[in-house]
Amino acid sequence: MSGHHAGSCLCGAVRFRIEGEFERFYLCHCSHCRKDTGSAHAAGQFLAVPAGSLDSDVHRRPDAHIFMASRASWDKALEDIPAHETFPA
């Protein structure tokens, strides 16, 4: 993983650069992160840099899932459901 990363918001109006290495990479399942992202979990650190906001590649696997006691009831065995490379036709 390089020591420089770039990211932006969805519309591109806000852009940022990060210098340094990521020390931890967590997938957080707490109710706050689920509400904030509108998904099953958020991906980031305690000095939270949401991984989804990065435009550069992160060449690191997440270290752990956290707050699993708060995960959504439907967030189980998701790797077993069909996957599509694009929106299904």
N, C-alpha and C. Protein backbone atom coordinates (compact mmCIF):
# COMPACT_ATOMS: atom_id res chain seq x y z
N MET A 1 0.86 -1.17 0.00
CA MET A 1 0.00 0.00 0.00
C MET A 1 0.90 1.23 0.00
N SER A 2 0.63 2.17 -0.88
CA SER A 2 1.41 3.40 -0.92
C SER A 2 1.04 4.29 0.25
N GLY A 3 1.87 5.27 0.51
CA GLY A 3 1.63 6.18 1.61
C GLY A 3 0.77 7.37 1.23
N HIS A 4 0.22 7.38 0.01
CA HIS A 4 -0.61 8.49 -0.45
C HIS A 4 -1.92 7.93 -1.02
N HIS A 5 -3.01 8.54 -0.61
CA HIS A 5 -4.32 8.15 -1.12
C HIS A 5 -5.12 9.39 -1.43
N ALA A 6 -5.98 9.29 -2.43
CA ALA A 6 -6.85 10.39 -2.82
C ALA A 6 -8.29 9.91 -2.74
N GLY A 7 -9.19 10.83 -2.43
CA GLY A 7 -10.60 10.48 -2.36
C GLY A 7 -11.46 11.68 -2.69
N SER A 8 -12.77 11.43 -2.76
CA SER A 8 -13.71 12.51 -3.08
C SER A 8 -15.11 12.11 -2.64
N CYS A 9 -15.99 13.11 -2.62
CA CYS A 9 -17.40 12.83 -2.35
C CYS A 9 -18.06 12.35 -3.63
N LEU A 10 -19.32 11.98 -3.56
CA LEU A 10 -20.04 11.43 -4.72
C LEU A 10 -20.10 12.41 -5.88
N CYS A 11 -20.36 13.69 -5.62
CA CYS A 11 -20.48 14.66 -6.72
C CYS A 11 -19.13 15.20 -7.17
N GLY A 12 -18.07 14.94 -6.40
CA GLY A 12 -16.73 15.39 -6.78
C GLY A 12 -16.40 16.79 -6.32
N ALA A 13 -17.32 17.48 -5.64
CA ALA A 13 -17.06 18.85 -5.19
C ALA A 13 -16.02 18.90 -4.08
N VAL A 14 -15.94 17.84 -3.29
CA VAL A 14 -14.96 17.77 -2.20
C VAL A 14 -13.94 16.70 -2.56
N ARG A 15 -12.67 17.07 -2.54
CA ARG A 15 -11.58 16.14 -2.82
C ARG A 15 -10.59 16.22 -1.66
N PHE A 16 -9.92 15.11 -1.37
CA PHE A 16 -8.93 15.11 -0.29
C PHE A 16 -7.79 14.17 -0.61
N ARG A 17 -6.66 14.40 0.07
CA ARG A 17 -5.48 13.54 -0.02
C ARG A 17 -5.09 13.12 1.38
N ILE A 18 -4.63 11.89 1.49
CA ILE A 18 -4.17 11.35 2.77
C ILE A 18 -2.73 10.90 2.57
N GLU A 19 -1.86 11.30 3.49
CA GLU A 19 -0.47 10.85 3.46
C GLU A 19 -0.24 9.97 4.66
N GLY A 20 0.42 8.84 4.45
CA GLY A 20 0.71 7.91 5.54
C GLY A 20 0.04 6.57 5.29
N GLU A 21 0.41 5.62 6.10
CA GLU A 21 -0.12 4.26 5.99
C GLU A 21 -1.35 4.09 6.88
N PHE A 22 -2.29 3.27 6.45
CA PHE A 22 -3.43 2.92 7.29
C PHE A 22 -2.98 1.87 8.29
N GLU A 23 -3.23 2.12 9.57
CA GLU A 23 -2.82 1.18 10.61
C GLU A 23 -3.85 0.07 10.79
N ARG A 24 -5.11 0.35 10.62
CA ARG A 24 -6.18 -0.62 10.79
C ARG A 24 -7.21 -0.42 9.68
N PHE A 25 -7.94 -1.47 9.36
CA PHE A 25 -9.00 -1.40 8.36
C PHE A 25 -10.12 -2.30 8.86
N TYR A 26 -11.22 -1.70 9.32
CA TYR A 26 -12.33 -2.45 9.91
C TYR A 26 -13.59 -2.34 9.07
N LEU A 27 -14.40 -3.36 9.13
CA LEU A 27 -15.76 -3.33 8.59
C LEU A 27 -16.68 -3.22 9.80
N CYS A 28 -17.29 -2.05 9.99
CA CYS A 28 -18.08 -1.78 11.19
C CYS A 28 -19.56 -2.02 10.93
N HIS A 29 -20.18 -2.85 11.75
CA HIS A 29 -21.59 -3.23 11.61
C HIS A 29 -22.49 -2.53 12.63
N CYS A 30 -21.99 -1.51 13.35
CA CYS A 30 -22.83 -0.83 14.35
C CYS A 30 -23.99 -0.11 13.67
N SER A 31 -25.04 0.16 14.41
CA SER A 31 -26.24 0.76 13.82
C SER A 31 -25.96 2.16 13.27
N HIS A 32 -25.06 2.90 13.89
CA HIS A 32 -24.72 4.25 13.39
C HIS A 32 -24.08 4.15 12.00
N CYS A 33 -23.11 3.26 11.83
CA CYS A 33 -22.44 3.11 10.54
C CYS A 33 -23.38 2.57 9.47
N ARG A 34 -24.29 1.66 9.86
CA ARG A 34 -25.26 1.16 8.90
C ARG A 34 -26.19 2.27 8.43
N LYS A 35 -26.65 3.12 9.36
CA LYS A 35 -27.51 4.25 8.99
C LYS A 35 -26.75 5.26 8.15
N ASP A 36 -25.50 5.53 8.52
CA ASP A 36 -24.69 6.53 7.82
C ASP A 36 -24.42 6.13 6.38
N THR A 37 -24.16 4.84 6.13
CA THR A 37 -23.84 4.38 4.78
C THR A 37 -25.05 3.85 4.02
N GLY A 38 -26.11 3.48 4.74
CA GLY A 38 -27.26 2.86 4.09
C GLY A 38 -26.95 1.46 3.60
N SER A 39 -25.97 0.80 4.21
CA SER A 39 -25.61 -0.56 3.79
C SER A 39 -25.38 -1.44 5.01
N ALA A 40 -24.85 -2.62 4.78
CA ALA A 40 -24.65 -3.59 5.86
C ALA A 40 -23.55 -3.18 6.82
N HIS A 41 -22.59 -2.40 6.35
CA HIS A 41 -21.48 -1.98 7.21
C HIS A 41 -20.75 -0.80 6.60
N ALA A 42 -19.94 -0.15 7.38
CA ALA A 42 -19.03 0.88 6.89
C ALA A 42 -17.63 0.29 6.87
N ALA A 43 -16.79 0.79 6.00
CA ALA A 43 -15.41 0.32 5.92
C ALA A 43 -14.50 1.50 6.20
N GLY A 44 -13.70 1.43 7.30
CA GLY A 44 -12.80 2.54 7.62
C GLY A 44 -11.98 2.25 8.88
N GLN A 45 -11.42 3.35 9.56
CA GLN A 45 -10.60 3.30 10.77
C GLN A 45 -11.20 4.14 11.88
N PHE A 46 -10.53 4.15 13.10
CA PHE A 46 -10.99 4.98 14.22
C PHE A 46 -10.83 6.45 13.89
N LEU A 47 -9.74 6.86 13.23
CA LEU A 47 -9.71 8.15 12.56
C LEU A 47 -10.35 7.81 11.23
N ALA A 48 -11.65 7.89 11.20
CA ALA A 48 -12.42 7.27 10.13
C ALA A 48 -12.19 7.93 8.78
N VAL A 49 -11.67 7.14 7.88
CA VAL A 49 -11.58 7.48 6.47
C VAL A 49 -12.42 6.42 5.77
N PRO A 50 -13.67 6.72 5.45
CA PRO A 50 -14.49 5.70 4.82
C PRO A 50 -13.84 5.19 3.54
N ALA A 51 -13.57 3.90 3.49
CA ALA A 51 -12.87 3.31 2.35
C ALA A 51 -13.61 3.56 1.05
N GLY A 52 -14.93 3.65 1.10
CA GLY A 52 -15.71 3.90 -0.11
C GLY A 52 -15.50 5.29 -0.68
N SER A 53 -14.95 6.22 0.10
CA SER A 53 -14.71 7.57 -0.41
C SER A 53 -13.36 7.70 -1.09
N LEU A 54 -12.54 6.65 -1.03
CA LEU A 54 -11.21 6.70 -1.66
C LEU A 54 -11.31 6.43 -3.15
N ASP A 55 -10.61 7.23 -3.93
CA ASP A 55 -10.53 7.02 -5.38
C ASP A 55 -9.34 6.14 -5.73
N SER A 56 -8.33 6.12 -4.88
CA SER A 56 -7.16 5.26 -5.11
C SER A 56 -7.42 3.88 -4.52
N ASP A 57 -6.72 2.89 -5.05
CA ASP A 57 -6.87 1.52 -4.57
C ASP A 57 -6.25 1.36 -3.18
N VAL A 58 -6.89 0.58 -2.34
CA VAL A 58 -6.34 0.20 -1.04
C VAL A 58 -5.94 -1.26 -1.16
N HIS A 59 -4.66 -1.52 -1.06
CA HIS A 59 -4.15 -2.88 -1.22
C HIS A 59 -3.96 -3.53 0.14
N ARG A 60 -5.05 -3.60 0.88
CA ARG A 60 -5.02 -4.20 2.21
C ARG A 60 -6.37 -4.83 2.47
N ARG A 61 -6.35 -6.03 3.01
CA ARG A 61 -7.61 -6.68 3.42
C ARG A 61 -8.05 -6.08 4.75
N PRO A 62 -9.36 -6.02 4.98
CA PRO A 62 -9.81 -5.56 6.30
C PRO A 62 -9.23 -6.44 7.40
N ASP A 63 -8.94 -5.82 8.54
CA ASP A 63 -8.39 -6.55 9.69
C ASP A 63 -9.46 -7.36 10.41
N ALA A 64 -10.69 -6.82 10.45
CA ALA A 64 -11.74 -7.52 11.20
C ALA A 64 -13.09 -6.87 10.94
N HIS A 65 -14.14 -7.64 11.21
CA HIS A 65 -15.50 -7.11 11.32
C HIS A 65 -15.65 -6.68 12.77
N ILE A 66 -16.24 -5.51 13.02
CA ILE A 66 -16.47 -5.08 14.40
C ILE A 66 -17.95 -4.77 14.62
N PHE A 67 -18.37 -4.80 15.88
CA PHE A 67 -19.75 -4.58 16.31
C PHE A 67 -20.72 -5.57 15.63
N MET A 68 -20.30 -6.82 15.54
CA MET A 68 -21.14 -7.85 14.92
C MET A 68 -22.43 -8.08 15.70
N ALA A 69 -22.47 -7.77 16.99
CA ALA A 69 -23.69 -7.92 17.77
C ALA A 69 -24.78 -6.96 17.28
N SER A 70 -24.38 -5.89 16.58
CA SER A 70 -25.32 -4.90 16.07
C SER A 70 -25.65 -5.09 14.59
N ARG A 71 -25.11 -6.12 13.95
CA ARG A 71 -25.30 -6.25 12.51
C ARG A 71 -26.77 -6.42 12.14
N ALA A 72 -27.09 -6.08 10.90
CA ALA A 72 -28.46 -6.22 10.40
C ALA A 72 -28.86 -7.68 10.40
N SER A 73 -30.14 -7.94 10.64
CA SER A 73 -30.62 -9.32 10.71
C SER A 73 -30.44 -10.05 9.38
N TRP A 74 -30.43 -9.34 8.27
CA TRP A 74 -30.27 -9.96 6.95
C TRP A 74 -28.80 -10.11 6.53
N ASP A 75 -27.88 -9.65 7.37
CA ASP A 75 -26.45 -9.68 7.04
C ASP A 75 -25.82 -11.00 7.49
N LYS A 76 -26.21 -12.07 6.81
CA LYS A 76 -25.68 -13.40 7.14
C LYS A 76 -25.52 -14.18 5.84
N ALA A 77 -24.38 -14.82 5.66
CA ALA A 77 -24.08 -15.67 4.51
C ALA A 77 -24.33 -14.95 3.18
N LEU A 78 -23.96 -13.66 3.11
CA LEU A 78 -24.19 -12.89 1.89
C LEU A 78 -23.36 -13.39 0.71
N GLU A 79 -22.25 -14.07 1.01
CA GLU A 79 -21.43 -14.61 -0.07
C GLU A 79 -22.14 -15.75 -0.80
N ASP A 80 -23.23 -16.28 -0.24
CA ASP A 80 -23.98 -17.39 -0.86
C ASP A 80 -25.05 -16.94 -1.86
N ILE A 81 -25.37 -15.63 -1.90
CA ILE A 81 -26.39 -15.18 -2.82
C ILE A 81 -25.74 -14.82 -4.17
N PRO A 82 -26.54 -14.79 -5.26
CA PRO A 82 -25.97 -14.49 -6.58
C PRO A 82 -25.25 -13.13 -6.60
N ALA A 83 -24.20 -13.05 -7.41
CA ALA A 83 -23.44 -11.81 -7.58
C ALA A 83 -23.40 -11.45 -9.06
N HIS A 84 -23.48 -10.16 -9.37
CA HIS A 84 -23.49 -9.66 -10.74
C HIS A 84 -22.40 -8.61 -10.89
N GLU A 85 -21.71 -8.59 -12.01
CA GLU A 85 -20.67 -7.59 -12.28
C GLU A 85 -21.27 -6.20 -12.50
N THR A 86 -22.50 -6.13 -13.00
CA THR A 86 -23.20 -4.86 -13.23
C THR A 86 -24.64 -5.03 -12.76
N PHE A 87 -25.47 -4.02 -12.97
CA PHE A 87 -26.88 -4.12 -12.58
C PHE A 87 -27.52 -5.25 -13.38
N PRO A 88 -28.24 -6.17 -12.72
CA PRO A 88 -28.80 -7.31 -13.45
C PRO A 88 -29.86 -6.87 -14.47
N ALA A 89 -29.87 -7.56 -15.59
CA ALA A 89 -30.82 -7.22 -16.67
C ALA A 89 -32.18 -7.82 -16.38
